[in-house]
PDB file of N, CA and C in Angstrom:
ATOM      1  N   MET A   1      83.200  78.721 140.348  1.00  0.00           N
ATOM      2  CA  MET A   1      82.318  78.361 139.259  1.00  0.00           C
ATOM      3  C   MET A   1      83.035  78.645 137.946  1.00  0.00           C
ATOM      4  N   GLN A   2      82.777  77.817 136.970  1.00  0.00           N
ATOM      5  CA  GLN A   2      83.350  78.026 135.645  1.00  0.00           C
ATOM      6  C   GLN A   2      82.239  78.363 134.661  1.00  0.00           C
ATOM      7  N   ILE A   3      82.527  79.294 133.769  1.00  0.00           N
ATOM      8  CA  ILE A   3      81.582  79.639 132.701  1.00  0.00           C
ATOM      9  C   ILE A   3      82.316  79.544 131.368  1.00  0.00           C
ATOM     10  N   ILE A   4      81.551  79.396 130.313  1.00  0.00           N
ATOM     11  CA  ILE A   4      82.120  79.342 128.968  1.00  0.00           C
ATOM     12  C   ILE A   4      82.091  80.737 128.376  1.00  0.00           C
ATOM     13  N   GLN A   5      83.219  81.139 127.786  1.00  0.00           N
ATOM     14  CA  GLN A   5      83.326  82.480 127.222  1.00  0.00           C
ATOM     15  C   GLN A   5      83.916  82.383 125.809  1.00  0.00           C
ATOM     16  N   THR A   6      83.469  83.250 124.938  1.00  0.00           N
ATOM     17  CA  THR A   6      83.994  83.295 123.578  1.00  0.00           C
ATOM     18  C   THR A   6      85.288  84.101 123.553  1.00  0.00           C
ATOM     19  N   VAL A   7      86.303  83.530 122.909  1.00  0.00           N
ATOM     20  CA  VAL A   7      87.604  84.188 122.775  1.00  0.00           C
ATOM     21  C   VAL A   7      87.879  84.385 121.290  1.00  0.00           C
ATOM     22  N   VAL A   8      88.238  85.601 120.907  1.00  0.00           N
ATOM     23  CA  VAL A   8      88.547  85.915 119.515  1.00  0.00           C
ATOM     24  C   VAL A   8      90.004  85.545 119.242  1.00  0.00           C
ATOM     25  N   VAL A   9      90.235  84.877 118.123  1.00  0.00           N
ATOM     26  CA  VAL A   9      91.593  84.545 117.700  1.00  0.00           C
ATOM     27  C   VAL A   9      91.913  85.412 116.485  1.00  0.00           C
ATOM     28  N   LYS A  10      92.953  86.225 116.616  1.00  0.00           N
ATOM     29  CA  LYS A  10      93.366  87.106 115.523  1.00  0.00           C
ATOM     30  C   LYS A  10      94.732  86.673 115.024  1.00  0.00           C
ATOM     31  N   GLN A  11      94.952  86.893 113.747  1.00  0.00           N
ATOM     32  CA  GLN A  11      96.209  86.531 113.115  1.00  0.00           C
ATOM     33  C   GLN A  11      96.917  87.798 112.651  1.00  0.00           C
ATOM     34  N   ILE A  12      98.205  87.914 112.970  1.00  0.00           N
ATOM     35  CA  ILE A  12      98.987  89.040 112.475  1.00  0.00           C
ATOM     36  C   ILE A  12      99.423  88.704 111.055  1.00  0.00           C
ATOM     37  N   LEU A  13      99.154  89.620 110.139  1.00  0.00           N
ATOM     38  CA  LEU A  13      99.469  89.385 108.734  1.00  0.00           C
ATOM     39  C   LEU A  13     100.971  89.523 108.486  1.00  0.00           C
ATOM     40  N   THR A  14     101.572  88.427 108.051  1.00  0.00           N
ATOM     41  CA  THR A  14     102.986  88.417 107.666  1.00  0.00           C
ATOM     42  C   THR A  14     103.049  87.985 106.209  1.00  0.00           C
ATOM     43  N   GLU A  15     104.216  88.037 105.644  1.00  0.00           N
ATOM     44  CA  GLU A  15     104.374  87.610 104.250  1.00  0.00           C
ATOM     45  C   GLU A  15     103.945  86.145 104.094  1.00  0.00           C
ATOM     46  N   LYS A  16     104.338  85.329 105.060  1.00  0.00           N
ATOM     47  CA  LYS A  16     104.005  83.894 105.040  1.00  0.00           C
ATOM     48  C   LYS A  16     102.496  83.663 105.168  1.00  0.00           C
ATOM     49  N   SER A  17     101.855  84.342 106.140  1.00  0.00           N
ATOM     50  CA  SER A  17     100.419  84.144 106.341  1.00  0.00           C
ATOM     51  C   SER A  17      99.605  84.741 105.195  1.00  0.00           C
ATOM     52  N   LYS A  18     100.113  85.818 104.601  1.00  0.00           N
ATOM     53  CA  LYS A  18      99.433  86.440 103.465  1.00  0.00           C
ATOM     54  C   LYS A  18      99.418  85.469 102.283  1.00  0.00           C
ATOM     55  N   LYS A  19     100.561  84.836 102.040  1.00  0.00           N
ATOM     56  CA  LYS A  19     100.653  83.869 100.946  1.00  0.00           C
ATOM     57  C   LYS A  19      99.752  82.660 101.214  1.00  0.00           C
ATOM     58  N   LYS A  20      99.726  82.216 102.470  1.00  0.00           N
ATOM     59  CA  LYS A  20      98.895  81.078 102.839  1.00  0.00           C
ATOM     60  C   LYS A  20      97.408  81.401 102.637  1.00  0.00           C
ATOM     61  N   LEU A  21      96.986  82.588 103.061  1.00  0.00           N
ATOM     62  CA  LEU A  21      95.599  83.018 102.868  1.00  0.00           C
ATOM     63  C   LEU A  21      95.253  83.126 101.388  1.00  0.00           C
ATOM     64  N   PHE A  22      96.174  83.700 100.615  1.00  0.00           N
ATOM     65  CA  PHE A  22      95.950  83.838  99.177  1.00  0.00           C
ATOM     66  C   PHE A  22      95.767  82.464  98.533  1.00  0.00           C
ATOM     67  N   ASN A  23      96.634  81.514  98.881  1.00  0.00           N
ATOM     68  CA  ASN A  23      96.515  80.155  98.333  1.00  0.00           C
ATOM     69  C   ASN A  23      95.209  79.496  98.747  1.00  0.00           C
ATOM     70  N   HIS A  24      94.787  79.747  99.992  1.00  0.00           N
ATOM     71  CA  HIS A  24      93.517  79.190 100.476  1.00  0.00           C
ATOM     72  C   HIS A  24      92.333  79.756  99.682  1.00  0.00           C
ATOM     73  N   TYR A  25      92.333  81.066  99.476  1.00  0.00           N
ATOM     74  CA  TYR A  25      91.253  81.694  98.705  1.00  0.00           C
ATOM     75  C   TYR A  25      91.240  81.185  97.257  1.00  0.00           C
ATOM     76  N   GLU A  26      92.417  81.061  96.663  1.00  0.00           N
ATOM     77  CA  GLU A  26      92.498  80.566  95.282  1.00  0.00           C
ATOM     78  C   GLU A  26      91.999  79.130  95.177  1.00  0.00           C
ATOM     79  N   ALA A  27      92.325  78.298  96.159  1.00  0.00           N
ATOM     80  CA  ALA A  27      91.861  76.906  96.156  1.00  0.00           C
ATOM     81  C   ALA A  27      90.344  76.844  96.278  1.00  0.00           C
ATOM     82  N   GLN A  28      89.778  77.684  97.139  1.00  0.00           N
ATOM     83  CA  GLN A  28      88.325  77.731  97.278  1.00  0.00           C
ATOM     84  C   GLN A  28      87.673  78.184  95.970  1.00  0.00           C
ATOM     85  N   LYS A  29      88.266  79.177  95.341  1.00  0.00           N
ATOM     86  CA  LYS A  29      87.745  79.706  94.079  1.00  0.00           C
ATOM     87  C   LYS A  29      87.775  78.633  92.992  1.00  0.00           C
ATOM     88  N   LEU A  30      88.866  77.894  92.926  1.00  0.00           N
ATOM     89  CA  LEU A  30      88.994  76.807  91.957  1.00  0.00           C
ATOM     90  C   LEU A  30      87.948  75.724  92.204  1.00  0.00           C
ATOM     91  N   GLN A  31      87.718  75.392  93.467  1.00  0.00           N
ATOM     92  CA  GLN A  31      86.710  74.390  93.814  1.00  0.00           C
ATOM     93  C   GLN A  31      85.322  74.851  93.390  1.00  0.00           C
ATOM     94  N   LEU A  32      85.013  76.118  93.611  1.00  0.00           N
ATOM     95  CA  LEU A  32      83.706  76.653  93.197  1.00  0.00           C
ATOM     96  C   LEU A  32      83.547  76.603  91.683  1.00  0.00           C
ATOM     97  N   GLN A  33      84.618  76.890  90.946  1.00  0.00           N
ATOM     98  CA  GLN A  33      84.560  76.830  89.486  1.00  0.00           C
ATOM     99  C   GLN A  33      84.306  75.400  89.017  1.00  0.00           C
ATOM    100  N   ARG A  34      84.957  74.431  89.673  1.00  0.00           N
ATOM    101  CA  ARG A  34      84.722  73.025  89.330  1.00  0.00           C
ATOM    102  C   ARG A  34      83.273  72.633  89.577  1.00  0.00           C
ATOM    103  N   GLU A  35      82.739  73.058  90.733  1.00  0.00           N
ATOM    104  CA  GLU A  35      81.350  72.745  91.069  1.00  0.00           C
ATOM    105  C   GLU A  35      80.391  73.376  90.061  1.00  0.00           C
ATOM    106  N   LYS A  36      80.661  74.623  89.680  1.00  0.00           N
ATOM    107  CA  LYS A  36      79.810  75.282  88.682  1.00  0.00           C
ATOM    108  C   LYS A  36      79.842  74.531  87.357  1.00  0.00           C
ATOM    109  N   ASN A  37      81.046  74.127  86.925  1.00  0.00           N
ATOM    110  CA  ASN A  37      81.160  73.380  85.668  1.00  0.00           C
ATOM    111  C   ASN A  37      80.411  72.063  85.746  1.00  0.00           C
ATOM    112  N   GLN A  38      80.504  71.379  86.876  1.00  0.00           N
ATOM    113  CA  GLN A  38      79.794  70.113  87.052  1.00  0.00           C
ATOM    114  C   GLN A  38      78.285  70.324  87.006  1.00  0.00           C
ATOM    115  N   LEU A  39      77.816  71.368  87.671  1.00  0.00           N
ATOM    116  CA  LEU A  39      76.379  71.667  87.668  1.00  0.00           C
ATOM    117  C   LEU A  39      75.894  72.016  86.259  1.00  0.00           C
ATOM    118  N   GLN A  40      76.687  72.773  85.527  1.00  0.00           N
ATOM    119  CA  GLN A  40      76.304  73.119  84.152  1.00  0.00           C
ATOM    120  C   GLN A  40      76.275  71.878  83.266  1.00  0.00           C
ATOM    121  N   PHE A  41      77.215  70.973  83.468  1.00  0.00           N
ATOM    122  CA  PHE A  41      77.242  69.717  82.721  1.00  0.00           C
ATOM    123  C   PHE A  41      75.992  68.887  83.036  1.00  0.00           C
ATOM    124  N   GLU A  42      75.659  68.788  84.317  1.00  0.00           N
ATOM    125  CA  GLU A  42      74.466  68.029  84.729  1.00  0.00           C
ATOM    126  C   GLU A  42      73.204  68.659  84.143  1.00  0.00           C
ATOM    127  N   LEU A  43      73.151  69.970  84.130  1.00  0.00           N
ATOM    128  CA  LEU A  43      71.987  70.670  83.589  1.00  0.00           C
ATOM    129  C   LEU A  43      71.823  70.374  82.107  1.00  0.00           C
ATOM    130  N   LYS A  44      72.915  70.396  81.359  1.00  0.00           N
ATOM    131  CA  LYS A  44      72.850  70.077  79.927  1.00  0.00           C
ATOM    132  C   LYS A  44      72.424  68.632  79.704  1.00  0.00           C
ATOM    133  N   ARG A  45      72.939  67.730  80.528  1.00  0.00           N
ATOM    134  CA  ARG A  45      72.603  66.307  80.408  1.00  0.00           C
ATOM    135  C   ARG A  45      71.118  66.081  80.667  1.00  0.00           C
ATOM    136  N   ILE A  46      70.597  66.758  81.675  1.00  0.00           N
ATOM    137  CA  ILE A  46      69.174  66.613  82.003  1.00  0.00           C
ATOM    138  C   ILE A  46      68.310  67.220  80.908  1.00  0.00           C
ATOM    139  N   ASP A  47      68.753  68.353  80.336  1.00  0.00           N
ATOM    140  CA  ASP A  47      68.012  68.973  79.234  1.00  0.00           C
ATOM    141  C   ASP A  47      67.889  68.021  78.046  1.00  0.00           C
ATOM    142  N   LYS A  48      68.946  67.255  77.792  1.00  0.00           N
ATOM    143  CA  LYS A  48      68.930  66.327  76.653  1.00  0.00           C
ATOM    144  C   LYS A  48      68.029  65.124  76.891  1.00  0.00           C
ATOM    145  N   THR A  49      67.955  64.645  78.135  1.00  0.00           N
ATOM    146  CA  THR A  49      67.149  63.445  78.408  1.00  0.00           C
ATOM    147  C   THR A  49      65.660  63.749  78.439  1.00  0.00           C
ATOM    148  N   LYS A  50      65.261  64.911  78.912  1.00  0.00           N
ATOM    149  CA  LYS A  50      63.856  65.348  78.967  1.00  0.00           C
ATOM    150  C   LYS A  50      62.976  64.408  79.795  1.00  0.00           C
ATOM    151  N   ASN A  51      63.555  63.676  80.737  1.00  0.00           N
ATOM    152  CA  ASN A  51      62.778  62.764  81.579  1.00  0.00           C
ATOM    153  C   ASN A  51      62.173  63.450  82.795  1.00  0.00           C
ATOM    154  N   PHE A  52      62.657  64.638  83.142  1.00  0.00           N
ATOM    155  CA  PHE A  52      62.202  65.333  84.338  1.00  0.00           C
ATOM    156  C   PHE A  52      61.460  66.606  83.952  1.00  0.00           C
ATOM    157  N   SER A  53      60.715  67.151  84.924  1.00  0.00           N
ATOM    158  CA  SER A  53      60.054  68.427  84.661  1.00  0.00           C
ATOM    159  C   SER A  53      61.134  69.496  84.512  1.00  0.00           C
ATOM    160  N   PRO A  54      61.253  70.060  83.336  1.00  0.00           N
ATOM    161  CA  PRO A  54      62.380  70.941  83.057  1.00  0.00           C
ATOM    162  C   PRO A  54      62.384  72.235  83.869  1.00  0.00           C
ATOM    163  N   GLY A  55      61.250  72.788  84.175  1.00  0.00           N
ATOM    164  CA  GLY A  55      61.194  74.093  84.841  1.00  0.00           C
ATOM    165  C   GLY A  55      61.781  74.087  86.240  1.00  0.00           C
ATOM    166  N   ALA A  56      61.242  73.228  87.095  1.00  0.00           N
ATOM    167  CA  ALA A  56      61.667  73.214  88.493  1.00  0.00           C
ATOM    168  C   ALA A  56      63.122  72.778  88.632  1.00  0.00           C
ATOM    169  N   LEU A  57      63.502  71.754  87.894  1.00  0.00           N
ATOM    170  CA  LEU A  57      64.857  71.234  87.985  1.00  0.00           C
ATOM    171  C   LEU A  57      65.869  72.242  87.440  1.00  0.00           C
ATOM    172  N   LYS A  58      65.507  72.883  86.329  1.00  0.00           N
ATOM    173  CA  LYS A  58      66.397  73.881  85.742  1.00  0.00           C
ATOM    174  C   LYS A  58      66.588  75.052  86.704  1.00  0.00           C
ATOM    175  N   ASN A  59      65.500  75.484  87.359  1.00  0.00           N
ATOM    176  CA  ASN A  59      65.585  76.574  88.331  1.00  0.00           C
ATOM    177  C   ASN A  59      66.501  76.200  89.494  1.00  0.00           C
ATOM    178  N   HIS A  60      66.388  74.952  89.939  1.00  0.00           N
ATOM    179  CA  HIS A  60      67.223  74.485  91.042  1.00  0.00           C
ATOM    180  C   HIS A  60      68.705  74.541  90.656  1.00  0.00           C
ATOM    181  N   TYR A  61      69.033  74.026  89.489  1.00  0.00           N
ATOM    182  CA  TYR A  61      70.425  74.031  89.033  1.00  0.00           C
ATOM    183  C   TYR A  61      70.940  75.456  88.844  1.00  0.00           C
ATOM    184  N   GLU A  62      70.126  76.321  88.268  1.00  0.00           N
ATOM    185  CA  GLU A  62      70.541  77.708  88.056  1.00  0.00           C
ATOM    186  C   GLU A  62      70.763  78.427  89.384  1.00  0.00           C
ATOM    187  N   LYS A  63      69.916  78.115  90.368  1.00  0.00           N
ATOM    188  CA  LYS A  63      70.072  78.717  91.691  1.00  0.00           C
ATOM    189  C   LYS A  63      71.388  78.271  92.324  1.00  0.00           C
ATOM    190  N   GLU A  64      71.719  76.998  92.193  1.00  0.00           N
ATOM    191  CA  GLU A  64      72.979  76.483  92.740  1.00  0.00           C
ATOM    192  C   GLU A  64      74.187  77.095  92.015  1.00  0.00           C
ATOM    193  N   ILE A  65      74.096  77.239  90.712  1.00  0.00           N
ATOM    194  CA  ILE A  65      75.172  77.868  89.940  1.00  0.00           C
ATOM    195  C   ILE A  65      75.354  79.323  90.371  1.00  0.00           C
ATOM    196  N   ASN A  66      74.237  80.032  90.555  1.00  0.00           N
ATOM    197  CA  ASN A  66      74.299  81.434  90.990  1.00  0.00           C
ATOM    198  C   ASN A  66      74.904  81.567  92.395  1.00  0.00           C
ATOM    199  N   LYS A  67      74.569  80.627  93.285  1.00  0.00           N
ATOM    200  CA  LYS A  67      75.139  80.647  94.637  1.00  0.00           C
ATOM    201  C   LYS A  67      76.657  80.569  94.574  1.00  0.00           C
ATOM    202  N   ARG A  68      77.146  79.670  93.748  1.00  0.00           N
ATOM    203  CA  ARG A  68      78.587  79.492  93.633  1.00  0.00           C
ATOM    204  C   ARG A  68      79.244  80.702  92.963  1.00  0.00           C
ATOM    205  N   SER A  69      78.543  81.319  92.028  1.00  0.00           N
ATOM    206  CA  SER A  69      79.074  82.533  91.398  1.00  0.00           C
ATOM    207  C   SER A  69      79.203  83.657  92.419  1.00  0.00           C
ATOM    208  N   GLU A  70      78.219  83.785  93.300  1.00  0.00           N
ATOM    209  CA  GLU A  70      78.264  84.819  94.337  1.00  0.00           C
ATOM    210  C   GLU A  70      79.413  84.561  95.307  1.00  0.00           C
ATOM    211  N   LYS A  71      79.594  83.308  95.691  1.00  0.00           N
ATOM    212  CA  LYS A  71      80.707  82.961  96.582  1.00  0.00           C
ATOM    213  C   LYS A  71      82.040  83.257  95.906  1.00  0.00           C
ATOM    214  N   GLU A  72      82.109  83.007  94.612  1.00  0.00           N
ATOM    215  CA  GLU A  72      83.333  83.272  93.859  1.00  0.00           C
ATOM    216  C   GLU A  72      83.632  84.775  93.827  1.00  0.00           C
ATOM    217  N   LYS A  73      82.592  85.599  93.639  1.00  0.00           N
ATOM    218  CA  LYS A  73      82.778  87.051  93.651  1.00  0.00           C
ATOM    219  C   LYS A  73      83.254  87.521  95.023  1.00  0.00           C
ATOM    220  N   LEU A  74      82.715  86.929  96.077  1.00  0.00           N
ATOM    221  CA  LEU A  74      83.131  87.285  97.429  1.00  0.00           C
ATOM    222  C   LEU A  74      84.606  86.937  97.641  1.00  0.00           C
ATOM    223  N   LEU A  75      85.020  85.779  97.156  1.00  0.00           N
ATOM    224  CA  LEU A  75      86.426  85.387  97.269  1.00  0.00           C
ATOM    225  C   LEU A  75      87.331  86.345  96.497  1.00  0.00           C
ATOM    226  N   GLU A  76      86.900  86.770  95.320  1.00  0.00           N
ATOM    227  CA  GLU A  76      87.686  87.730  94.548  1.00  0.00           C
ATOM    228  C   GLU A  76      87.839  89.045  95.313  1.00  0.00           C
ATOM    229  N   PHE A  77      86.762  89.477  95.969  1.00  0.00           N
ATOM    230  CA  PHE A  77      86.808  90.689  96.776  1.00  0.00           C
ATOM    231  C   PHE A  77      87.777  90.516  97.942  1.00  0.00           C
ATOM    232  N   GLN A  78      87.728  89.345  98.606  1.00  0.00           N
ATOM    233  CA  GLN A  78      88.623  89.082  99.726  1.00  0.00           C
ATOM    234  C   GLN A  78      90.087  89.069  99.274  1.00  0.00           C
ATOM    235  N   ILE A  79      90.344  88.542  98.078  1.00  0.00           N
ATOM    236  CA  ILE A  79      91.705  88.534  97.538  1.00  0.00           C
ATOM    237  C   ILE A  79      92.182  89.962  97.288  1.00  0.00           C
ATOM    238  N   GLU A  80      91.300  90.802  96.734  1.00  0.00           N
ATOM    239  CA  GLU A  80      91.650  92.207  96.511  1.00  0.00           C
ATOM    240  C   GLU A  80      91.973  92.903  97.831  1.00  0.00           C
ATOM    241  N   GLN A  81      91.143  92.657  98.847  1.00  0.00           N
ATOM    242  CA  GLN A  81      91.357  93.271 100.154  1.00  0.00           C
ATOM    243  C   GLN A  81      92.663  92.784 100.778  1.00  0.00           C
ATOM    244  N   LEU A  82      92.971  91.512 100.591  1.00  0.00           N
ATOM    245  CA  LEU A  82      94.200  90.947 101.128  1.00  0.00           C
ATOM    246  C   LEU A  82      95.429  91.638 100.540  1.00  0.00           C
ATOM    247  N   HIS A  83      95.381  91.945  99.243  1.00  0.00           N
ATOM    248  CA  HIS A  83      96.500  92.622  98.593  1.00  0.00           C
ATOM    249  C   HIS A  83      96.682  94.043  99.125  1.00  0.00           C
ATOM    250  N   MET A  84      95.601  94.677  99.560  1.00  0.00           N
ATOM    251  CA  MET A  84      95.680  96.054 100.042  1.00  0.00           C
ATOM    252  C   MET A  84      96.109  96.149 101.501  1.00  0.00           C
ATOM    253  N   LEU A  85      95.951  95.072 102.274  1.00  0.00           N
ATOM    254  CA  LEU A  85      96.295  95.116 103.696  1.00  0.00           C
ATOM    255  C   LEU A  85      97.801  95.191 103.910  1.00  0.00           C
ATOM    256  N   PRO A  86      98.238  96.062 104.802  1.00  0.00           N
ATOM    257  CA  PRO A  86      99.674  96.131 105.095  1.00  0.00           C
ATOM    258  C   PRO A  86     100.093  94.986 106.016  1.00  0.00           C
ATOM    259  N   LEU A  87     101.351  94.601 105.917  1.00  0.00           N
ATOM    260  CA  LEU A  87     101.878  93.579 106.813  1.00  0.00           C
ATOM    261  C   LEU A  87     101.801  94.100 108.251  1.00  0.00           C
ATOM    262  N   GLY A  88     101.485  93.216 109.191  1.00  0.00           N
ATOM    263  CA  GLY A  88     101.339  93.617 110.588  1.00  0.00           C
ATOM    264  C   GLY A  88      99.891  93.856 110.981  1.00  0.00           C
ATOM    265  N   SER A  89      98.977  93.846 110.009  1.00  0.00           N
ATOM    266  CA  SER A  89      97.557  94.017 110.315  1.00  0.00           C
ATOM    267  C   SER A  89      97.052  92.800 111.072  1.00  0.00           C
ATOM    268  N   GLU A  90      96.048  93.011 111.922  1.00  0.00           N
ATOM    269  CA  GLU A  90      95.446  91.903 112.652  1.00  0.00           C
ATOM    270  C   GLU A  90      94.141  91.513 111.976  1.00  0.00           C
ATOM    271  N   LEU A  91      94.037  90.236 111.617  1.00  0.00           N
ATOM    272  CA  LEU A  91      92.837  89.715 110.979  1.00  0.00           C
ATOM    273  C   LEU A  91      92.130  88.764 111.922  1.00  0.00           C
ATOM    274  N   LYS A  92      90.824  88.914 112.054  1.00  0.00           N
ATOM    275  CA  LYS A  92      90.061  87.975 112.875  1.00  0.00           C
ATOM    276  C   LYS A  92      90.015  86.651 112.132  1.00  0.00           C
ATOM    277  N   GLU A  93      90.534  85.616 112.770  1.00  0.00           N
ATOM    278  CA  GLU A  93      90.594  84.310 112.138  1.00  0.00           C
ATOM    279  C   GLU A  93      89.379  83.477 112.504  1.00  0.00           C
ATOM    280  N   LYS A  94      89.079  83.409 113.815  1.00  0.00           N
ATOM    281  CA  LYS A  94      87.940  82.620 114.273  1.00  0.00           C
ATOM    282  C   LYS A  94      87.639  82.958 115.715  1.00  0.00           C
ATOM    283  N   GLU A  95      86.618  82.297 116.246  1.00  0.00           N
ATOM    284  CA  GLU A  95      86.275  82.422 117.659  1.00  0.00           C
ATOM    285  C   GLU A  95      86.288  81.028 118.260  1.00  0.00           C
ATOM    286  N   VAL A  96      86.782  80.924 119.477  1.00  0.00           N
ATOM    287  CA  VAL A  96      86.803  79.649 120.184  1.00  0.00           C
ATOM    288  C   VAL A  96      86.142  79.844 121.543  1.00  0.00           C
ATOM    289  N   GLN A  97      85.789  78.758 122.177  1.00  0.00           N
ATOM    290  CA  GLN A  97      85.177  78.798 123.495  1.00  0.00           C
ATOM    291  C   GLN A  97      86.233  78.456 124.543  1.00  0.00           C
ATOM    292  N   ALA A  98      86.201  79.161 125.680  1.00  0.00           N
ATOM    293  CA  ALA A  98      87.141  78.908 126.761  1.00  0.00           C
ATOM    294  C   ALA A  98      86.394  78.856 128.091  1.00  0.00           C
ATOM    295  N   LEU A  99      86.902  78.063 129.006  1.00  0.00           N
ATOM    296  CA  LEU A  99      86.349  78.027 130.361  1.00  0.00           C
ATOM    297  C   LEU A  99      87.027  79.114 131.182  1.00  0.00           C
ATOM    298  N   VAL A 100      86.221  79.900 131.893  1.00  0.00           N
ATOM    299  CA  VAL A 100      86.744  80.967 132.729  1.00  0.00           C
ATOM    300  C   VAL A 100      86.277  80.713 134.152  1.00  0.00           C
ATOM    301  N   GLU A 101      87.212  80.775 135.085  1.00  0.00           N
ATOM    302  CA  GLU A 101      86.897  80.580 136.502  1.00  0.00           C
ATOM    303  C   GLU A 101      86.455  81.917 137.096  1.00  0.00           C
ATOM    304  N   ILE A 102      85.264  81.939 137.677  1.00  0.00           N
ATOM    305  CA  ILE A 102      84.796  83.146 138.370  1.00  0.00           C
ATOM    306  C   ILE A 102      84.441  82.768 139.804  1.00  0.00           C
ATOM    307  N   LYS A 103      84.555  83.761 140.678  1.00  0.00           N
ATOM    308  CA  LYS A 103      84.208  83.512 142.084  1.00  0.00           C
ATOM    309  C   LYS A 103      83.615  84.782 142.680  1.00  0.00           C
ATOM    310  N   ILE A 104      83.041  84.645 143.827  1.00  0.00           N
ATOM    311  CA  ILE A 104      82.434  85.774 144.524  1.00  0.00           C
ATOM    312  C   ILE A 104      83.510  86.818 144.794  1.00  0.00           C
ATOM    313  N   GLY A 105      83.200  88.066 144.505  1.00  0.00           N
ATOM    314  CA  GLY A 105      84.135  89.155 144.734  1.00  0.00           C
ATOM    315  C   GLY A 105      84.881  89.591 143.474  1.00  0.00           C
ATOM    316  N   ASP A 106      84.810  88.783 142.400  1.00  0.00           N
ATOM    317  CA  ASP A 106      85.449  89.176 141.146  1.00  0.00           C
ATOM    318  C   ASP A 106      84.728  90.383 140.555  1.00  0.00           C
ATOM    319  N   ILE A 107      85.471  91.195 139.843  1.00  0.00           N
ATOM    320  CA  ILE A 107      84.863  92.331 139.147  1.00  0.00           C
ATOM    321  C   ILE A 107      84.373  91.830 137.801  1.00  0.00           C
ATOM    322  N   TRP A 108      83.081  91.899 137.599  1.00  0.00           N
ATOM    323  CA  TRP A 108      82.430  91.295 136.433  1.00  0.00           C
ATOM    324  C   TRP A 108      82.995  91.808 135.117  1.00  0.00           C
ATOM    325  N   ASN A 109      83.115  93.120 134.948  1.00  0.00           N
ATOM    326  CA  ASN A 109      83.569  93.684 133.677  1.00  0.00           C
ATOM    327  C   ASN A 109      85.007  93.276 133.344  1.00  0.00           C
ATOM    328  N   GLU A 110      85.840  93.093 134.348  1.00  0.00           N
ATOM    329  CA  GLU A 110      87.212  92.670 134.089  1.00  0.00           C
ATOM    330  C   GLU A 110      87.274  91.187 133.727  1.00  0.00           C
ATOM    331  N   GLN A 111      86.459  90.379 134.390  1.00  0.00           N
ATOM    332  CA  GLN A 111      86.457  88.935 134.140  1.00  0.00           C
ATOM    333  C   GLN A 111      85.830  88.593 132.796  1.00  0.00           C
ATOM    334  N   ILE A 112      84.801  89.330 132.418  1.00  0.00           N
ATOM    335  CA  ILE A 112      84.028  88.960 131.240  1.00  0.00           C
ATOM    336  C   ILE A 112      84.293  89.894 130.070  1.00  0.00           C
ATOM    337  N   GLY A 113      85.428  90.557 130.040  1.00  0.00           N
ATOM    338  CA  GLY A 113      85.807  91.356 128.877  1.00  0.00           C
ATOM    339  C   GLY A 113      86.020  90.434 127.683  1.00  0.00           C
ATOM    340  N   GLN A 114      86.246  90.984 126.514  1.00  0.00           N
ATOM    341  CA  GLN A 114      86.445  90.170 125.307  1.00  0.00           C
ATOM    342  C   GLN A 114      87.917  89.787 125.195  1.00  0.00           C
ATOM    343  N   PRO A 115      88.294  88.578 125.650  1.00  0.00           N
ATOM    344  CA  PRO A 115      89.692  88.165 125.521  1.00  0.00           C
ATOM    345  C   PRO A 115      90.056  87.878 124.065  1.00  0.00           C
ATOM    346  N   THR A 116      91.324  88.095 123.739  1.00  0.00           N
ATOM    347  CA  THR A 116      91.803  87.906 122.372  1.00  0.00           C
ATOM    348  C   THR A 116      93.130  87.167 122.398  1.00  0.00           C
ATOM    349  N   ILE A 117      93.274  86.214 121.493  1.00  0.00           N
ATOM    350  CA  ILE A 117      94.536  85.504 121.309  1.00  0.00           C
ATOM    351  C   ILE A 117      95.127  85.988 119.992  1.00  0.00           C
ATOM    352  N   ILE A 118      96.390  86.427 120.024  1.00  0.00           N
ATOM    353  CA  ILE A 118      97.066  86.929 118.829  1.00  0.00           C
ATOM    354  C   ILE A 118      98.060  85.868 118.355  1.00  0.00           C
ATOM    355  N   ILE A 119      97.954  85.501 117.077  1.00  0.00           N
ATOM    356  CA  ILE A 119      98.819  84.476 116.491  1.00  0.00           C
ATOM    357  C   ILE A 119      99.647  85.090 115.371  1.00  0.00           C
ATOM    358  N   LYS A 120     100.932  84.733 115.328  1.00  0.00           N
ATOM    359  CA  LYS A 120     101.814  85.197 114.257  1.00  0.00           C
ATOM    360  C   LYS A 120     102.513  83.977 113.686  1.00  0.00           C
ATOM    361  N   ASP A 121     102.240  83.667 112.420  1.00  0.00           N
ATOM    362  CA  ASP A 121     102.794  82.513 111.732  1.00  0.00           C
ATOM    363  C   ASP A 121     102.591  81.208 112.520  1.00  0.00           C
ATOM    364  N   GLY A 122     101.391  81.042 113.055  1.00  0.00           N
ATOM    365  CA  GLY A 122     101.042  79.804 113.736  1.00  0.00           C
ATOM    366  C   GLY A 122     101.512  79.715 115.179  1.00  0.00           C
ATOM    367  N   ILE A 123     102.136  80.743 115.710  1.00  0.00           N
ATOM    368  CA  ILE A 123     102.643  80.738 117.088  1.00  0.00           C
ATOM    369  C   ILE A 123     101.910  81.813 117.876  1.00  0.00           C
ATOM    370  N   ILE A 124     101.458  81.449 119.082  1.00  0.00           N
ATOM    371  CA  ILE A 124     100.746  82.427 119.925  1.00  0.00           C
ATOM    372  C   ILE A 124     101.719  83.518 120.325  1.00  0.00           C
ATOM    373  N   GLU A 125     101.375  84.728 119.949  1.00  0.00           N
ATOM    374  CA  GLU A 125     102.225  85.899 120.193  1.00  0.00           C
ATOM    375  C   GLU A 125     101.803  86.616 121.477  1.00  0.00           C
ATOM    376  N   ASP A 126     100.482  86.689 121.736  1.00  0.00           N
ATOM    377  CA  ASP A 126      99.983  87.463 122.853  1.00  0.00           C
ATOM    378  C   ASP A 126      98.592  86.972 123.234  1.00  0.00           C
ATOM    379  N   ILE A 127      98.240  87.119 124.510  1.00  0.00           N
ATOM    380  CA  ILE A 127      96.878  86.864 124.985  1.00  0.00           C
ATOM    381  C   ILE A 127      96.461  88.125 125.700  1.00  0.00           C
ATOM    382  N   ARG A 128      95.408  88.734 125.218  1.00  0.00           N
ATOM    383  CA  ARG A 128      94.943  90.009 125.797  1.00  0.00           C
ATOM    384  C   ARG A 128      93.632  89.814 126.512  1.00  0.00           C
TER     385      ARG A 128
END
């Protein structure tokens, strides 16, 4: 019988992967700033036209702007943490699903432990 099991994929932090993560976080941060600027522009445009109910629409735009500000703060925190991590640290990258073959007589705890795939610079280094 086959069952589906969650496998954790971890990345070993190297100079190359650290730079790649930093660039990814910066790109996300830049995108959030663009979205915030666009939302603020739309809010000003709507304020000038006065065709819509200002209260509800303004609250909606402000809520969206605040959401992006919070995400931006989280990214800044992640960037700070990335700078503090030593090279060789293992970072959880994602989880994937895998098929596992089980049969009568297998030891359950050994078969269904939490398997982990370790990646270093895009190459599988270890499977635990």
